[in-house]
Amino acid sequence: MFTDPVKNLKAFGLQENNIVADLGAGTGFYSVAAARMVPKGKVYAVEVQKDFLTTVANKAREAHVNNVETLWGDIEKLGGTKLRDSLVDAVIMSNVLFQVEHKDKFLDETKRILKRGGRVLLIDWTAGVSVMGPNAREFIPKNTAKEMLEKKGFAFEREIDGGVQHYGMIFKKG
């Protein structure tokens, strides 16, 4: 694994009753880890690739967590997650910012679904550290990512250690 979801989520500080959205959930490493940390809450694993949603559901079942709901949705479209306004306490965006084509719309959707005071965990690739990950043109430098979120009204809280190949930051919705 390229980054440690459990370590990163512990640094994020989820509460046991949080409602969490894992945007671009992929195969569910963060979704399942978050579900264990929010036993009285819920995790929405939002993904556009339907095969991945099946994988997430299977992983959740194997892990004996029943608070993960998979949603087929477009995270790059306002309303595309199918979650209602101001529903979630926390958003996870791991290895997804570099992939989305419409970054402004993605961040608008993130802001829409977050409660006031809700937080974002951003984990993304660090350029030049590994031959794995995106190609050189796709990397989003840490300072650029920070500026993008701040421009959308998210307040930078702090950095976390995302691992050797990743950076990590936490933001708060004002």
Protein backbone atom coordinates (compact mmCIF):
# COMPACT_ATOMS: atom_id res chain seq x y z
CA MET A 1 0.00 0.00 0.00
CA PHE A 2 1.27 3.46 -0.87
CA THR A 3 -0.06 5.27 2.19
CA ASP A 4 -1.46 4.09 5.52
CA PRO A 5 -5.21 4.85 5.80
CA VAL A 6 -5.40 3.95 9.50
CA LYS A 7 -2.46 6.20 10.44
CA ASN A 8 -3.80 9.05 8.31
CA LEU A 9 -7.34 8.72 9.67
CA LYS A 10 -6.05 8.66 13.25
CA ALA A 11 -4.23 11.91 12.53
CA PHE A 12 -7.47 13.27 11.02
CA GLY A 13 -9.27 12.57 14.30
CA LEU A 14 -12.61 11.08 13.28
CA GLN A 15 -15.23 10.83 16.04
CA GLU A 16 -17.23 7.63 16.62
CA ASN A 17 -20.51 9.19 15.42
CA ASN A 18 -19.17 11.08 12.37
CA ILE A 19 -20.78 10.89 8.97
CA VAL A 20 -17.97 10.56 6.45
CA ALA A 21 -17.79 10.75 2.65
CA ASP A 22 -14.89 9.00 0.93
CA LEU A 23 -14.88 10.74 -2.44
CA GLY A 24 -13.32 8.70 -5.21
CA ALA A 25 -13.29 5.75 -2.82
CA GLY A 26 -11.51 3.42 -5.24
CA THR A 27 -11.32 -0.06 -3.76
CA GLY A 28 -12.24 1.10 -0.26
CA PHE A 29 -9.07 1.16 1.82
CA TYR A 30 -10.09 4.44 3.46
CA SER A 31 -13.82 3.61 3.55
CA VAL A 32 -13.36 0.41 5.57
CA ALA A 33 -10.74 1.94 7.88
CA ALA A 34 -13.00 4.95 8.51
CA ALA A 35 -16.01 2.69 9.15
CA ARG A 36 -14.13 1.02 11.99
CA MET A 37 -13.40 4.44 13.52
CA VAL A 38 -17.00 5.67 13.30
CA PRO A 39 -18.97 2.69 14.69
CA LYS A 40 -21.94 4.92 15.57
CA GLY A 41 -21.62 6.90 12.33
CA LYS A 42 -21.68 6.17 8.63
CA VAL A 43 -19.29 6.15 5.69
CA TYR A 44 -20.46 6.94 2.18
CA ALA A 45 -18.04 5.44 -0.36
CA VAL A 46 -18.65 7.46 -3.53
CA GLU A 47 -17.13 6.12 -6.73
CA VAL A 48 -17.83 6.42 -10.46
CA GLN A 49 -16.46 2.97 -11.34
CA LYS A 50 -19.18 0.46 -10.50
CA ASP A 51 -16.76 -2.48 -10.21
CA PHE A 52 -14.96 -0.65 -7.41
CA LEU A 53 -18.25 -0.25 -5.52
CA THR A 54 -18.66 -4.03 -5.50
CA THR A 55 -15.11 -4.36 -4.19
CA VAL A 56 -15.79 -1.83 -1.41
CA ALA A 57 -19.00 -3.61 -0.40
CA ASN A 58 -17.17 -6.96 -0.30
CA LYS A 59 -14.31 -5.52 1.78
CA ALA A 60 -16.78 -4.00 4.24
CA ARG A 61 -18.62 -7.31 4.58
CA GLU A 62 -15.34 -9.22 5.08
CA ALA A 63 -14.29 -6.67 7.72
CA HIS A 64 -17.66 -7.07 9.49
CA VAL A 65 -18.50 -3.38 9.26
CA ASN A 66 -22.08 -2.55 8.34
CA ASN A 67 -21.91 1.24 8.30
CA VAL A 68 -20.51 1.65 4.77
CA GLU A 69 -22.90 2.66 2.02
CA THR A 70 -21.58 2.55 -1.54
CA LEU A 71 -22.84 5.22 -3.92
CA TRP A 72 -22.31 5.41 -7.64
CA GLY A 73 -21.73 9.09 -8.24
CA ASP A 74 -19.83 11.75 -10.11
CA ILE A 75 -17.68 13.72 -7.67
CA GLU A 76 -16.88 16.28 -10.39
CA LYS A 77 -20.46 17.51 -10.69
CA LEU A 78 -22.48 19.63 -8.29
CA GLY A 79 -24.99 17.20 -6.80
CA GLY A 80 -23.15 14.29 -8.38
CA THR A 81 -22.45 12.49 -5.09
CA LYS A 82 -26.22 12.23 -4.50
CA LEU A 83 -25.66 13.30 -0.89
CA ARG A 84 -27.76 16.11 0.54
CA ASP A 85 -26.37 19.54 1.40
CA SER A 86 -24.44 19.84 4.69
CA LEU A 87 -24.76 16.12 5.49
CA VAL A 88 -21.23 15.01 6.32
CA ASP A 89 -18.83 15.84 9.12
CA ALA A 90 -15.74 14.75 7.21
CA VAL A 91 -14.59 14.22 3.63
CA ILE A 92 -11.73 11.97 2.62
CA MET A 93 -10.01 12.75 -0.67
CA SER A 94 -7.14 10.33 -1.06
CA ASN A 95 -5.22 10.08 -4.33
CA VAL A 96 -8.10 11.68 -6.17
CA LEU A 97 -7.35 15.41 -6.59
CA PHE A 98 -4.73 14.76 -9.28
CA GLN A 99 -7.23 12.56 -11.17
CA VAL A 100 -10.25 14.83 -11.36
CA GLU A 101 -10.53 16.88 -14.51
CA HIS A 102 -12.93 19.48 -13.11
CA LYS A 103 -11.17 20.35 -9.87
CA ASP A 104 -13.29 23.46 -9.17
CA LYS A 105 -16.53 21.48 -9.47
CA PHE A 106 -15.08 18.69 -7.32
CA LEU A 107 -14.22 21.17 -4.57
CA ASP A 108 -17.65 22.85 -4.91
CA GLU A 109 -19.31 19.44 -4.41
CA THR A 110 -17.08 18.77 -1.40
CA LYS A 111 -18.09 22.09 0.12
CA ARG A 112 -21.78 21.49 -0.60
CA ILE A 113 -21.98 18.16 1.25
CA LEU A 114 -19.87 19.25 4.26
CA LYS A 115 -21.50 20.64 7.37
CA ARG A 116 -20.34 24.04 8.60
CA GLY A 117 -17.15 23.30 10.51
CA GLY A 118 -16.76 19.99 8.65
CA ARG A 119 -13.27 18.87 7.76
CA VAL A 120 -11.40 17.54 4.75
CA LEU A 121 -8.52 15.07 4.76
CA LEU A 122 -6.46 15.53 1.62
CA ILE A 123 -3.86 12.89 0.79
CA ASP A 124 -2.10 13.04 -2.57
CA TRP A 125 1.08 12.02 -4.32
CA THR A 126 4.40 13.79 -3.85
CA ALA A 127 6.16 14.36 -7.14
CA GLY A 128 9.51 12.75 -7.83
CA VAL A 129 9.51 10.35 -4.89
CA SER A 130 8.55 7.16 -6.70
CA VAL A 131 8.03 5.69 -10.12
CA MET A 132 4.53 4.78 -8.94
CA GLY A 133 1.60 7.15 -8.99
CA PRO A 134 0.59 9.63 -11.67
CA ASN A 135 2.80 10.81 -14.50
CA ALA A 136 4.82 13.98 -13.95
CA ARG A 137 2.23 16.29 -15.57
CA GLU A 138 -0.57 15.10 -13.27
CA PHE A 139 1.04 15.74 -9.88
CA ILE A 140 -0.56 18.50 -7.84
CA PRO A 141 2.14 20.11 -5.69
CA LYS A 142 1.23 20.49 -2.03
CA ASN A 143 1.29 24.30 -2.13
CA THR A 144 -0.96 24.31 -5.23
CA ALA A 145 -3.45 21.95 -3.57
CA LYS A 146 -3.48 24.15 -0.47
CA GLU A 147 -4.13 27.26 -2.56
CA MET A 148 -6.94 25.50 -4.46
CA LEU A 149 -8.80 24.58 -1.27
CA GLU A 150 -8.23 27.95 0.37
CA LYS A 151 -9.54 29.69 -2.75
CA LYS A 152 -12.77 27.70 -2.29
CA GLY A 153 -13.11 28.90 1.30
CA PHE A 154 -11.56 25.98 3.18
CA ALA A 155 -9.33 26.98 6.08
CA PHE A 156 -6.02 25.15 6.34
CA GLU A 157 -5.70 23.48 9.75
CA ARG A 158 -2.48 21.52 9.56
CA GLU A 159 -0.27 19.10 7.69
CA ILE A 160 -0.02 15.43 8.55
CA ASP A 161 2.59 12.89 7.53
CA GLY A 162 0.97 11.18 4.54
CA GLY A 163 3.84 8.74 4.11
CA VAL A 164 6.98 8.70 1.99
CA GLN A 165 5.19 9.07 -1.34
CA HIS A 166 2.34 11.35 -0.23
CA TYR A 167 1.58 14.64 1.48
CA GLY A 168 -1.35 15.11 3.82
CA MET A 169 -3.33 18.16 4.90
CA ILE A 170 -6.46 18.84 6.91
CA PHE A 171 -8.85 21.68 6.09
CA LYS A 172 -12.02 23.01 7.70
CA LYS A 173 -15.14 24.41 6.08
CA GLY A 174 -15.84 27.92 7.38
